[in-house]
Every structure is written in C-alpha cells, then in structure tokens.
Amino acid sequence: MIAGAASCAVAVQYVMKLLVDAMAGPREGNAAAWLALSYFIGLIAFESLLWRLSGWLGCRTTVGVGVEVRLDLFKYLNGQPMRYFPIGAKGEVHVPLRVVEDLLAGTAVELWIAAPAGLAGTVIVDLGLVEI
C-alpha cells in the first residue's frame, strides 16, 4: 500500500505537467485539460486513501505487536503466564482486576503497585478467589 501511495504521488507530478500543458493551449474545446484535471483529482484521492489506510493498518499492527511483546516479556520474567484485565478503568478510582488464567494449587499471587516518587496515599486491596 505504501508503494502504491508513493507511486500515486509520483504520478500526480506527471499529471500536473499534463494539466499545465493542456491549460497553455486554446481555451475553447479543451477536453485534454478536463481529462488531466480528472486524473489529477482521482490520483490525489486514491493516494490519500492509500496513505490513510496504510497508516491505520500500521497503527493497529504496532499496537498488537506491542501487546504481544509485553505479554511474552511477562511470561519470560515471571515464568508463569497470568493476564490481568482492568474492568472499567476509565477515570475510576476503584479498578477491579480479573485474572483469566487457571491457577494451580500452591500458586503465589503477587500484586505490585507503582506510583511516582513522593506520592502519598492509601491502597486498599480486596482479593477474593473463586474456585470453579
């Protein structure tokens, strides 16, 4: 897609030359100018679409890869996979976390809390385990 968008950008320059050459000709019955103008507008629209689509796909891919890298790093450092998902963490003070992994008997669950230096406050942890 990026190569297509770059090719459209180059083609727009050549169509611009055709448009300027057609406009230098006689004004009456100049179909070449209208044809060059329609090519010019079409190429710019298609180029914009390709750039936006490739940017959107690149953004989605980067986020997906970033999440996978973090999960792989967590699995490597911890030695045991466990995923926490915040439920309703949009500006909430209370953020419940859900563990969506099966825990083996004797598994130790650690909760780490990080905050900027010099911050004072209280953290209340309500931990409950449900056996299914």
C-alpha atoms as a PDB file:
ATOM      1  CA  MET A   1       0.000   0.000   0.000  1.00  0.00           C
ATOM      2  CA  ILE A   2       2.807   2.387   0.806  1.00  0.00           C
ATOM      3  CA  ALA A   3       4.453   1.699  -2.548  1.00  0.00           C
ATOM      4  CA  GLY A   4       1.119   2.336  -4.264  1.00  0.00           C
ATOM      5  CA  ALA A   5       0.663   5.640  -2.424  1.00  0.00           C
ATOM      6  CA  ALA A   6       4.210   6.718  -3.310  1.00  0.00           C
ATOM      7  CA  SER A   7       3.587   5.744  -6.948  1.00  0.00           C
ATOM      8  CA  CYS A   8       0.438   7.864  -6.948  1.00  0.00           C
ATOM      9  CA  ALA A   9       2.448  10.794  -5.572  1.00  0.00           C
ATOM     10  CA  VAL A  10       4.917  10.477  -8.444  1.00  0.00           C
ATOM     11  CA  ALA A  11       2.111  10.078 -10.996  1.00  0.00           C
ATOM     12  CA  VAL A  12       0.427  13.245  -9.666  1.00  0.00           C
ATOM     13  CA  GLN A  13       3.544  15.213 -10.636  1.00  0.00           C
ATOM     14  CA  TYR A  14       3.383  13.945 -14.227  1.00  0.00           C
ATOM     15  CA  VAL A  15      -0.359  14.600 -14.438  1.00  0.00           C
ATOM     16  CA  MET A  16       0.261  18.121 -13.113  1.00  0.00           C
ATOM     17  CA  LYS A  17       2.635  18.677 -16.039  1.00  0.00           C
ATOM     18  CA  LEU A  18      -0.040  17.397 -18.440  1.00  0.00           C
ATOM     19  CA  LEU A  19      -2.588  19.725 -16.833  1.00  0.00           C
ATOM     20  CA  VAL A  20      -0.325  22.774 -17.141  1.00  0.00           C
ATOM     21  CA  ASP A  21       0.482  21.907 -20.772  1.00  0.00           C
ATOM     22  CA  ALA A  22      -3.223  21.459 -21.577  1.00  0.00           C
ATOM     23  CA  MET A  23      -4.101  24.773 -19.916  1.00  0.00           C
ATOM     24  CA  ALA A  24      -1.472  26.562 -22.019  1.00  0.00           C
ATOM     25  CA  GLY A  25      -3.408  25.593 -25.155  1.00  0.00           C
ATOM     26  CA  PRO A  26      -6.551  27.195 -26.567  1.00  0.00           C
ATOM     27  CA  ARG A  27      -9.463  27.751 -24.168  1.00  0.00           C
ATOM     28  CA  GLU A  28     -12.285  26.606 -26.444  1.00  0.00           C
ATOM     29  CA  GLY A  29     -12.990  22.878 -26.618  1.00  0.00           C
ATOM     30  CA  ASN A  30     -10.021  21.894 -24.461  1.00  0.00           C
ATOM     31  CA  ALA A  31     -11.025  18.361 -23.397  1.00  0.00           C
ATOM     32  CA  ALA A  32      -7.407  17.488 -22.564  1.00  0.00           C
ATOM     33  CA  ALA A  33      -7.424  19.963 -19.661  1.00  0.00           C
ATOM     34  CA  TRP A  34     -10.597  18.438 -18.206  1.00  0.00           C
ATOM     35  CA  LEU A  35      -9.230  14.924 -18.640  1.00  0.00           C
ATOM     36  CA  ALA A  36      -5.929  15.879 -16.958  1.00  0.00           C
ATOM     37  CA  LEU A  37      -7.864  17.580 -14.141  1.00  0.00           C
ATOM     38  CA  SER A  38      -9.999  14.485 -13.540  1.00  0.00           C
ATOM     39  CA  TYR A  39      -6.876  12.269 -13.476  1.00  0.00           C
ATOM     40  CA  PHE A  40      -5.225  14.726 -11.090  1.00  0.00           C
ATOM     41  CA  ILE A  41      -8.156  14.741  -8.639  1.00  0.00           C
ATOM     42  CA  GLY A  42      -8.579  10.959  -8.871  1.00  0.00           C
ATOM     43  CA  LEU A  43      -4.901  10.279  -8.198  1.00  0.00           C
ATOM     44  CA  ILE A  44      -4.825  12.646  -5.217  1.00  0.00           C
ATOM     45  CA  ALA A  45      -7.931  10.991  -3.735  1.00  0.00           C
ATOM     46  CA  PHE A  46      -6.543   7.494  -4.283  1.00  0.00           C
ATOM     47  CA  GLU A  47      -3.145   8.497  -2.839  1.00  0.00           C
ATOM     48  CA  SER A  48      -4.813   9.947   0.255  1.00  0.00           C
ATOM     49  CA  LEU A  49      -6.886   6.803   0.700  1.00  0.00           C
ATOM     50  CA  LEU A  50      -3.812   4.574   0.427  1.00  0.00           C
ATOM     51  CA  TRP A  51      -1.784   6.684   2.909  1.00  0.00           C
ATOM     52  CA  ARG A  52      -4.616   6.712   5.427  1.00  0.00           C
ATOM     53  CA  LEU A  53      -5.327   3.013   5.079  1.00  0.00           C
ATOM     54  CA  SER A  54      -1.666   2.041   5.428  1.00  0.00           C
ATOM     55  CA  GLY A  55      -1.309   4.356   8.447  1.00  0.00           C
ATOM     56  CA  TRP A  56      -4.375   2.839  10.100  1.00  0.00           C
ATOM     57  CA  LEU A  57      -3.182  -0.717   9.465  1.00  0.00           C
ATOM     58  CA  GLY A  58       0.327   0.168  10.644  1.00  0.00           C
ATOM     59  CA  CYS A  59      -1.066   1.650  13.862  1.00  0.00           C
ATOM     60  CA  ARG A  60      -3.155  -1.447  14.554  1.00  0.00           C
ATOM     61  CA  THR A  61      -0.221  -3.740  13.828  1.00  0.00           C
ATOM     62  CA  THR A  62       2.131  -1.747  16.074  1.00  0.00           C
ATOM     63  CA  VAL A  63      -0.308  -1.859  18.989  1.00  0.00           C
ATOM     64  CA  GLY A  64      -0.902  -5.586  18.513  1.00  0.00           C
ATOM     65  CA  VAL A  65       2.818  -6.341  18.362  1.00  0.00           C
ATOM     66  CA  GLY A  66       3.458  -4.160  21.422  1.00  0.00           C
ATOM     67  CA  VAL A  67       0.890  -6.067  23.466  1.00  0.00           C
ATOM     68  CA  GLU A  68       2.325  -9.413  22.393  1.00  0.00           C
ATOM     69  CA  VAL A  69       5.889  -8.291  23.247  1.00  0.00           C
ATOM     70  CA  ARG A  70       4.793  -7.225  26.737  1.00  0.00           C
ATOM     71  CA  LEU A  71       2.960 -10.490  27.330  1.00  0.00           C
ATOM     72  CA  ASP A  72       5.956 -12.517  26.136  1.00  0.00           C
ATOM     73  CA  LEU A  73       8.281 -10.491  28.382  1.00  0.00           C
ATOM     74  CA  PHE A  74       5.961 -11.000  31.366  1.00  0.00           C
ATOM     75  CA  LYS A  75       5.811 -14.744  30.704  1.00  0.00           C
ATOM     76  CA  TYR A  76       9.607 -14.908  30.404  1.00  0.00           C
ATOM     77  CA  LEU A  77      10.325 -12.904  33.569  1.00  0.00           C
ATOM     78  CA  ASN A  78       7.624 -14.482  35.685  1.00  0.00           C
ATOM     79  CA  GLY A  79       7.910 -17.994  34.344  1.00  0.00           C
ATOM     80  CA  GLN A  80       4.161 -18.400  34.505  1.00  0.00           C
ATOM     81  CA  PRO A  81       1.537 -16.695  32.355  1.00  0.00           C
ATOM     82  CA  MET A  82      -1.142 -14.661  34.078  1.00  0.00           C
ATOM     83  CA  ARG A  83      -3.150 -11.925  32.430  1.00  0.00           C
ATOM     84  CA  TYR A  84      -4.912  -9.164  34.296  1.00  0.00           C
ATOM     85  CA  PHE A  85      -7.670  -7.214  32.604  1.00  0.00           C
ATOM     86  CA  PRO A  86      -8.854  -3.939  34.133  1.00  0.00           C
ATOM     87  CA  ILE A  87     -12.621  -3.705  34.113  1.00  0.00           C
ATOM     88  CA  GLY A  88     -13.986  -0.161  33.697  1.00  0.00           C
ATOM     89  CA  ALA A  89     -10.704   1.719  34.261  1.00  0.00           C
ATOM     90  CA  LYS A  90     -11.772   4.952  32.557  1.00  0.00           C
ATOM     91  CA  GLY A  91     -11.143   7.544  35.247  1.00  0.00           C
ATOM     92  CA  GLU A  92     -12.287   5.283  38.031  1.00  0.00           C
ATOM     93  CA  VAL A  93     -10.775   5.280  41.494  1.00  0.00           C
ATOM     94  CA  HIS A  94     -11.797   1.668  42.034  1.00  0.00           C
ATOM     95  CA  VAL A  95     -10.419  -0.572  39.290  1.00  0.00           C
ATOM     96  CA  PRO A  96     -11.313  -4.233  39.664  1.00  0.00           C
ATOM     97  CA  LEU A  97      -8.918  -6.662  38.024  1.00  0.00           C
ATOM     98  CA  ARG A  98      -9.877 -10.060  36.709  1.00  0.00           C
ATOM     99  CA  VAL A  99      -7.467 -12.988  36.460  1.00  0.00           C
ATOM    100  CA  VAL A 100      -8.381 -15.093  33.453  1.00  0.00           C
ATOM    101  CA  GLU A 101      -5.967 -17.960  33.924  1.00  0.00           C
ATOM    102  CA  ASP A 102      -6.293 -21.219  35.813  1.00  0.00           C
ATOM    103  CA  LEU A 103      -4.146 -21.196  38.956  1.00  0.00           C
ATOM    104  CA  LEU A 104      -2.523 -24.373  40.125  1.00  0.00           C
ATOM    105  CA  ALA A 105      -2.605 -25.357  43.793  1.00  0.00           C
ATOM    106  CA  GLY A 106       0.129 -23.580  45.744  1.00  0.00           C
ATOM    107  CA  THR A 107       0.421 -20.682  43.269  1.00  0.00           C
ATOM    108  CA  ALA A 108       1.569 -17.430  44.851  1.00  0.00           C
ATOM    109  CA  VAL A 109      -0.238 -14.332  43.582  1.00  0.00           C
ATOM    110  CA  GLU A 110       1.737 -11.079  43.857  1.00  0.00           C
ATOM    111  CA  LEU A 111       0.294  -7.612  43.414  1.00  0.00           C
ATOM    112  CA  TRP A 112       2.710  -4.805  42.594  1.00  0.00           C
ATOM    113  CA  ILE A 113       1.675  -1.183  42.875  1.00  0.00           C
ATOM    114  CA  ALA A 114       3.757   1.559  41.288  1.00  0.00           C
ATOM    115  CA  ALA A 115       3.451   5.292  41.861  1.00  0.00           C
ATOM    116  CA  PRO A 116       5.577   8.382  41.253  1.00  0.00           C
ATOM    117  CA  ALA A 117       8.188   9.237  43.898  1.00  0.00           C
ATOM    118  CA  GLY A 118       6.849  11.384  46.720  1.00  0.00           C
ATOM    119  CA  LEU A 119       3.222  10.317  46.267  1.00  0.00           C
ATOM    120  CA  ALA A 120       1.397   9.514  49.483  1.00  0.00           C
ATOM    121  CA  GLY A 121      -1.904   7.701  49.713  1.00  0.00           C
ATOM    122  CA  THR A 122      -3.746   4.574  50.724  1.00  0.00           C
ATOM    123  CA  VAL A 123      -4.315   1.485  48.643  1.00  0.00           C
ATOM    124  CA  ILE A 124      -6.966  -0.981  49.693  1.00  0.00           C
ATOM    125  CA  VAL A 125      -6.733  -4.394  48.090  1.00  0.00           C
ATOM    126  CA  ASP A 126      -9.810  -6.598  48.147  1.00  0.00           C
ATOM    127  CA  LEU A 127      -8.658 -10.010  46.988  1.00  0.00           C
ATOM    128  CA  GLY A 128     -11.020 -12.902  46.616  1.00  0.00           C
ATOM    129  CA  LEU A 129     -10.518 -16.249  44.905  1.00  0.00           C
ATOM    130  CA  VAL A 130     -13.300 -18.309  43.446  1.00  0.00           C
ATOM    131  CA  GLU A 131     -12.858 -21.996  42.816  1.00  0.00           C
ATOM    132  CA  ILE A 132     -14.752 -23.277  39.814  1.00  0.00           C
END
